[in-house]
PDB file of N, CA and C in Angstrom:
ATOM      1  N   MET A   1      83.667  85.266 113.317  1.00  0.00           N
ATOM      2  CA  MET A   1      84.541  85.281 112.148  1.00  0.00           C
ATOM      3  C   MET A   1      85.983  84.956 112.638  1.00  0.00           C
ATOM      4  N   THR A   2      86.623  84.103 111.810  1.00  0.00           N
ATOM      5  CA  THR A   2      88.071  83.763 112.074  1.00  0.00           C
ATOM      6  C   THR A   2      88.962  84.616 111.321  1.00  0.00           C
ATOM      7  N   TYR A   3      90.039  85.062 112.055  1.00  0.00           N
ATOM      8  CA  TYR A   3      90.994  85.946 111.439  1.00  0.00           C
ATOM      9  C   TYR A   3      92.383  85.279 111.328  1.00  0.00           C
ATOM     10  N   LYS A   4      93.184  85.819 110.418  1.00  0.00           N
ATOM     11  CA  LYS A   4      94.610  85.411 110.294  1.00  0.00           C
ATOM     12  C   LYS A   4      95.392  86.752 110.560  1.00  0.00           C
ATOM     13  N   GLN A   5      96.622  86.593 110.993  1.00  0.00           N
ATOM     14  CA  GLN A   5      97.393  87.723 111.321  1.00  0.00           C
ATOM     15  C   GLN A   5      98.814  87.812 110.520  1.00  0.00           C
ATOM     16  N   PHE A   6      99.221  89.035 110.391  1.00  0.00           N
ATOM     17  CA  PHE A   6     100.531  89.226 109.691  1.00  0.00           C
ATOM     18  C   PHE A   6     101.354  90.170 110.459  1.00  0.00           C
ATOM     19  N   LYS A   7     102.591  89.943 110.576  1.00  0.00           N
ATOM     20  CA  LYS A   7     103.527  90.876 111.186  1.00  0.00           C
ATOM     21  C   LYS A   7     103.900  91.902 110.108  1.00  0.00           C
ATOM     22  N   THR A   8     103.841  93.163 110.469  1.00  0.00           N
ATOM     23  CA  THR A   8     104.030  94.205 109.463  1.00  0.00           C
ATOM     24  C   THR A   8     105.068  95.235 109.936  1.00  0.00           C
ATOM     25  N   ASN A   9     105.364  96.142 109.058  1.00  0.00           N
ATOM     26  CA  ASN A   9     106.164  97.350 109.414  1.00  0.00           C
ATOM     27  C   ASN A   9     105.373  98.609 109.416  1.00  0.00           C
ATOM     28  N   ILE A  10     104.050  98.437 109.689  1.00  0.00           N
ATOM     29  CA  ILE A  10     103.134  99.634 109.842  1.00  0.00           C
ATOM     30  C   ILE A  10     103.299 100.158 111.287  1.00  0.00           C
ATOM     31  N   LYS A  11     103.883 101.331 111.467  1.00  0.00           N
ATOM     32  CA  LYS A  11     104.369 101.747 112.736  1.00  0.00           C
ATOM     33  C   LYS A  11     103.411 102.739 113.443  1.00  0.00           C
ATOM     34  N   CYS A  12     102.573 103.472 112.779  1.00  0.00           N
ATOM     35  CA  CYS A  12     101.921 104.559 113.384  1.00  0.00           C
ATOM     36  C   CYS A  12     100.519 104.787 112.631  1.00  0.00           C
ATOM     37  N   ALA A  13      99.737 105.733 113.226  1.00  0.00           N
ATOM     38  CA  ALA A  13      98.437 106.053 112.579  1.00  0.00           C
ATOM     39  C   ALA A  13      98.597 106.558 111.178  1.00  0.00           C
ATOM     40  N   ALA A  14      99.617 107.375 110.952  1.00  0.00           N
ATOM     41  CA  ALA A  14      99.879 107.875 109.647  1.00  0.00           C
ATOM     42  C   ALA A  14     100.154 106.758 108.623  1.00  0.00           C
ATOM     43  N   CYS A  15     100.860 105.762 109.082  1.00  0.00           N
ATOM     44  CA  CYS A  15     101.185 104.592 108.218  1.00  0.00           C
ATOM     45  C   CYS A  15      99.759 103.853 107.897  1.00  0.00           C
ATOM     46  N   VAL A  16      98.929 103.785 108.869  1.00  0.00           N
ATOM     47  CA  VAL A  16      97.645 103.063 108.711  1.00  0.00           C
ATOM     48  C   VAL A  16      96.902 103.863 107.605  1.00  0.00           C
ATOM     49  N   GLU A  17      96.907 105.170 107.613  1.00  0.00           N
ATOM     50  CA  GLU A  17      96.263 105.936 106.646  1.00  0.00           C
ATOM     51  C   GLU A  17      96.825 105.731 105.195  1.00  0.00           C
ATOM     52  N   LYS A  18      98.184 105.490 105.125  1.00  0.00           N
ATOM     53  CA  LYS A  18      98.812 105.271 103.866  1.00  0.00           C
ATOM     54  C   LYS A  18      98.417 103.916 103.304  1.00  0.00           C
ATOM     55  N   VAL A  19      98.167 102.859 104.085  1.00  0.00           N
ATOM     56  CA  VAL A  19      97.766 101.587 103.563  1.00  0.00           C
ATOM     57  C   VAL A  19      96.212 101.414 103.424  1.00  0.00           C
ATOM     58  N   ARG A  20      95.429 102.381 104.011  1.00  0.00           N
ATOM     59  CA  ARG A  20      93.976 102.202 104.100  1.00  0.00           C
ATOM     60  C   ARG A  20      93.339 101.860 102.731  1.00  0.00           C
ATOM     61  N   SER A  21      93.633 102.625 101.726  1.00  0.00           N
ATOM     62  CA  SER A  21      92.988 102.404 100.443  1.00  0.00           C
ATOM     63  C   SER A  21      93.340 101.123  99.828  1.00  0.00           C
ATOM     64  N   ALA A  22      94.617 100.660  99.954  1.00  0.00           N
ATOM     65  CA  ALA A  22      95.049  99.405  99.413  1.00  0.00           C
ATOM     66  C   ALA A  22      94.359  98.234 100.149  1.00  0.00           C
ATOM     67  N   LEU A  23      94.309  98.339 101.490  1.00  0.00           N
ATOM     68  CA  LEU A  23      93.676  97.214 102.272  1.00  0.00           C
ATOM     69  C   LEU A  23      92.203  97.203 102.083  1.00  0.00           C
ATOM     70  N   ASP A  24      91.575  98.459 102.051  1.00  0.00           N
ATOM     71  CA  ASP A  24      90.147  98.528 101.788  1.00  0.00           C
ATOM     72  C   ASP A  24      89.785  97.798 100.435  1.00  0.00           C
ATOM     73  N   SER A  25      90.629  97.987  99.453  1.00  0.00           N
ATOM     74  CA  SER A  25      90.378  97.470  98.140  1.00  0.00           C
ATOM     75  C   SER A  25      90.557  95.946  98.073  1.00  0.00           C
ATOM     76  N   SER A  26      91.594  95.470  98.858  1.00  0.00           N
ATOM     77  CA  SER A  26      91.907  94.034  98.703  1.00  0.00           C
ATOM     78  C   SER A  26      91.261  93.160  99.753  1.00  0.00           C
ATOM     79  N   VAL A  27      90.963  93.789 100.880  1.00  0.00           N
ATOM     80  CA  VAL A  27      90.393  92.997 102.035  1.00  0.00           C
ATOM     81  C   VAL A  27      88.890  93.332 102.258  1.00  0.00           C
ATOM     82  N   GLY A  28      88.589  94.644 102.149  1.00  0.00           N
ATOM     83  CA  GLY A  28      87.277  95.114 102.295  1.00  0.00           C
ATOM     84  C   GLY A  28      87.263  96.171 103.381  1.00  0.00           C
ATOM     85  N   GLN A  29      86.449  97.220 103.206  1.00  0.00           N
ATOM     86  CA  GLN A  29      86.376  98.326 104.185  1.00  0.00           C
ATOM     87  C   GLN A  29      85.875  97.792 105.469  1.00  0.00           C
ATOM     88  N   ASP A  30      86.565  98.189 106.590  1.00  0.00           N
ATOM     89  CA  ASP A  30      86.230  97.773 107.982  1.00  0.00           C
ATOM     90  C   ASP A  30      86.328  96.241 108.144  1.00  0.00           C
ATOM     91  N   GLN A  31      87.103  95.568 107.299  1.00  0.00           N
ATOM     92  CA  GLN A  31      87.369  94.107 107.500  1.00  0.00           C
ATOM     93  C   GLN A  31      88.773  93.806 108.008  1.00  0.00           C
ATOM     94  N   TRP A  32      89.510  94.832 108.282  1.00  0.00           N
ATOM     95  CA  TRP A  32      90.900  94.649 108.776  1.00  0.00           C
ATOM     96  C   TRP A  32      91.257  95.635 109.869  1.00  0.00           C
ATOM     97  N   SER A  33      92.271  95.279 110.624  1.00  0.00           N
ATOM     98  CA  SER A  33      92.749  96.220 111.667  1.00  0.00           C
ATOM     99  C   SER A  33      94.235  95.975 111.910  1.00  0.00           C
ATOM    100  N   VAL A  34      94.934  96.987 112.404  1.00  0.00           N
ATOM    101  CA  VAL A  34      96.277  96.868 112.670  1.00  0.00           C
ATOM    102  C   VAL A  34      96.481  97.181 114.264  1.00  0.00           C
ATOM    103  N   ASP A  35      97.083  96.359 115.001  1.00  0.00           N
ATOM    104  CA  ASP A  35      97.368  96.535 116.400  1.00  0.00           C
ATOM    105  C   ASP A  35      98.625  97.272 116.523  1.00  0.00           C
ATOM    106  N   LEU A  36      98.584  98.599 116.648  1.00  0.00           N
ATOM    107  CA  LEU A  36      99.821  99.402 116.828  1.00  0.00           C
ATOM    108  C   LEU A  36     100.474  99.260 118.216  1.00  0.00           C
ATOM    109  N   GLN A  37      99.802  98.637 119.092  1.00  0.00           N
ATOM    110  CA  GLN A  37     100.358  98.439 120.474  1.00  0.00           C
ATOM    111  C   GLN A  37     101.268  97.225 120.507  1.00  0.00           C
ATOM    112  N   SER A  38     101.050  96.294 119.589  1.00  0.00           N
ATOM    113  CA  SER A  38     101.795  95.077 119.512  1.00  0.00           C
ATOM    114  C   SER A  38     103.185  95.359 118.948  1.00  0.00           C
ATOM    115  N   PRO A  39     104.251  94.766 119.472  1.00  0.00           N
ATOM    116  CA  PRO A  39     105.541  94.952 118.911  1.00  0.00           C
ATOM    117  C   PRO A  39     105.623  94.481 117.508  1.00  0.00           C
ATOM    118  N   ALA A  40     104.829  93.500 117.149  1.00  0.00           N
ATOM    119  CA  ALA A  40     104.824  92.939 115.759  1.00  0.00           C
ATOM    120  C   ALA A  40     103.945  93.743 114.784  1.00  0.00           C
ATOM    121  N   ARG A  41     103.215  94.774 115.338  1.00  0.00           N
ATOM    122  CA  ARG A  41     102.331  95.553 114.553  1.00  0.00           C
ATOM    123  C   ARG A  41     101.384  94.624 113.724  1.00  0.00           C
ATOM    124  N   LEU A  42     100.587  93.857 114.477  1.00  0.00           N
ATOM    125  CA  LEU A  42      99.767  92.812 113.740  1.00  0.00           C
ATOM    126  C   LEU A  42      98.644  93.363 112.994  1.00  0.00           C
ATOM    127  N   LEU A  43      98.497  92.864 111.710  1.00  0.00           N
ATOM    128  CA  LEU A  43      97.414  93.215 110.861  1.00  0.00           C
ATOM    129  C   LEU A  43      96.568  91.947 110.889  1.00  0.00           C
ATOM    130  N   SER A  44      95.316  92.121 111.237  1.00  0.00           N
ATOM    131  CA  SER A  44      94.288  91.037 111.269  1.00  0.00           C
ATOM    132  C   SER A  44      93.311  91.203 110.028  1.00  0.00           C
ATOM    133  N   ILE A  45      93.148  90.094 109.345  1.00  0.00           N
ATOM    134  CA  ILE A  45      92.220  90.072 108.211  1.00  0.00           C
ATOM    135  C   ILE A  45      91.335  88.787 108.313  1.00  0.00           C
ATOM    136  N   PRO A  46      90.194  88.745 107.622  1.00  0.00           N
ATOM    137  CA  PRO A  46      89.372  87.538 107.590  1.00  0.00           C
ATOM    138  C   PRO A  46      90.177  86.412 107.041  1.00  0.00           C
ATOM    139  N   GLU A  47      89.945  85.151 107.576  1.00  0.00           N
ATOM    140  CA  GLU A  47      90.537  83.963 107.100  1.00  0.00           C
ATOM    141  C   GLU A  47      90.312  83.728 105.628  1.00  0.00           C
ATOM    142  N   THR A  48      89.189  84.178 105.126  1.00  0.00           N
ATOM    143  CA  THR A  48      88.831  83.934 103.764  1.00  0.00           C
ATOM    144  C   THR A  48      89.627  84.727 102.669  1.00  0.00           C
ATOM    145  N   VAL A  49      90.329  85.745 103.152  1.00  0.00           N
ATOM    146  CA  VAL A  49      91.090  86.545 102.209  1.00  0.00           C
ATOM    147  C   VAL A  49      92.473  85.865 101.927  1.00  0.00           C
ATOM    148  N   ALA A  50      92.835  85.823 100.691  1.00  0.00           N
ATOM    149  CA  ALA A  50      94.105  85.265 100.234  1.00  0.00           C
ATOM    150  C   ALA A  50      95.284  86.011 100.859  1.00  0.00           C
ATOM    151  N   SER A  51      96.206  85.363 101.482  1.00  0.00           N
ATOM    152  CA  SER A  51      97.372  85.978 102.062  1.00  0.00           C
ATOM    153  C   SER A  51      98.209  86.714 100.992  1.00  0.00           C
ATOM    154  N   ALA A  52      98.439  86.136  99.896  1.00  0.00           N
ATOM    155  CA  ALA A  52      99.233  86.715  98.813  1.00  0.00           C
ATOM    156  C   ALA A  52      98.633  87.998  98.351  1.00  0.00           C
ATOM    157  N   GLN A  53      97.352  88.110  98.366  1.00  0.00           N
ATOM    158  CA  GLN A  53      96.660  89.309  97.986  1.00  0.00           C
ATOM    159  C   GLN A  53      96.924  90.480  98.905  1.00  0.00           C
ATOM    160  N   VAL A  54      96.955  90.172 100.174  1.00  0.00           N
ATOM    161  CA  VAL A  54      97.295  91.221 101.218  1.00  0.00           C
ATOM    162  C   VAL A  54      98.740  91.623 101.148  1.00  0.00           C
ATOM    163  N   VAL A  55      99.637  90.687 101.020  1.00  0.00           N
ATOM    164  CA  VAL A  55     101.078  90.949 100.931  1.00  0.00           C
ATOM    165  C   VAL A  55     101.311  91.848  99.784  1.00  0.00           C
ATOM    166  N   SER A  56     100.751  91.501  98.632  1.00  0.00           N
ATOM    167  CA  SER A  56     100.926  92.315  97.370  1.00  0.00           C
ATOM    168  C   SER A  56     100.366  93.699  97.516  1.00  0.00           C
ATOM    169  N   ALA A  57      99.273  93.873  98.202  1.00  0.00           N
ATOM    170  CA  ALA A  57      98.615  95.132  98.346  1.00  0.00           C
ATOM    171  C   ALA A  57      99.483  96.044  99.171  1.00  0.00           C
ATOM    172  N   LEU A  58     100.078  95.483 100.210  1.00  0.00           N
ATOM    173  CA  LEU A  58     100.961  96.288 101.101  1.00  0.00           C
ATOM    174  C   LEU A  58     102.190  96.596 100.477  1.00  0.00           C
ATOM    175  N   GLU A  59     102.829  95.682  99.674  1.00  0.00           N
ATOM    176  CA  GLU A  59     104.079  95.923  99.007  1.00  0.00           C
ATOM    177  C   GLU A  59     103.839  97.020  97.928  1.00  0.00           C
ATOM    178  N   ALA A  60     102.727  97.114  97.317  1.00  0.00           N
ATOM    179  CA  ALA A  60     102.446  98.090  96.311  1.00  0.00           C
ATOM    180  C   ALA A  60     102.523  99.547  96.873  1.00  0.00           C
ATOM    181  N   VAL A  61     102.225  99.683  98.208  1.00  0.00           N
ATOM    182  CA  VAL A  61     102.324 100.967  98.844  1.00  0.00           C
ATOM    183  C   VAL A  61     103.511 101.141  99.730  1.00  0.00           C
ATOM    184  N   GLY A  62     104.489 100.249  99.617  1.00  0.00           N
ATOM    185  CA  GLY A  62     105.791 100.386 100.327  1.00  0.00           C
ATOM    186  C   GLY A  62     105.860  99.752 101.718  1.00  0.00           C
ATOM    187  N   TYR A  63     104.918  98.817 102.035  1.00  0.00           N
ATOM    188  CA  TYR A  63     104.974  98.150 103.326  1.00  0.00           C
ATOM    189  C   TYR A  63     105.177  96.663 103.213  1.00  0.00           C
ATOM    190  N   GLN A  64     105.485  96.000 104.307  1.00  0.00           N
ATOM    191  CA  GLN A  64     105.789  94.568 104.264  1.00  0.00           C
ATOM    192  C   GLN A  64     104.807  93.835 105.231  1.00  0.00           C
ATOM    193  N   ALA A  65     104.499  92.590 104.916  1.00  0.00           N
ATOM    194  CA  ALA A  65     103.733  91.731 105.766  1.00  0.00           C
ATOM    195  C   ALA A  65     104.128  90.344 105.650  1.00  0.00           C
ATOM    196  N   GLU A  66     104.206  89.628 106.742  1.00  0.00           N
ATOM    197  CA  GLU A  66     104.511  88.209 106.719  1.00  0.00           C
ATOM    198  C   GLU A  66     103.633  87.493 107.707  1.00  0.00           C
ATOM    199  N   PRO A  67     103.188  86.231 107.377  1.00  0.00           N
ATOM    200  CA  PRO A  67     102.286  85.526 108.264  1.00  0.00           C
ATOM    201  C   PRO A  67     102.894  85.464 109.656  1.00  0.00           C
ATOM    202  N   PHE A  68     102.029  85.582 110.625  1.00  0.00           N
ATOM    203  CA  PHE A  68     102.391  85.522 112.017  1.00  0.00           C
ATOM    204  C   PHE A  68     102.065  84.246 112.679  1.00  0.00           C
TER     205      PHE A  68
END
């Protein structure tokens, strides 16, 4: 599967929990991941998911994402 990535302001495991329901709804459960070790805090999602959909879902819960 091909993925696209977004730079985010998701900083820790607690932040991941705050965005989990929004991303599960918009991307799909177990279809996304956040690399907390990366300085850019990269969010990876399947290529088939619309970027605007992910950005909107994160903004709705107080986070930001931009294509990486």
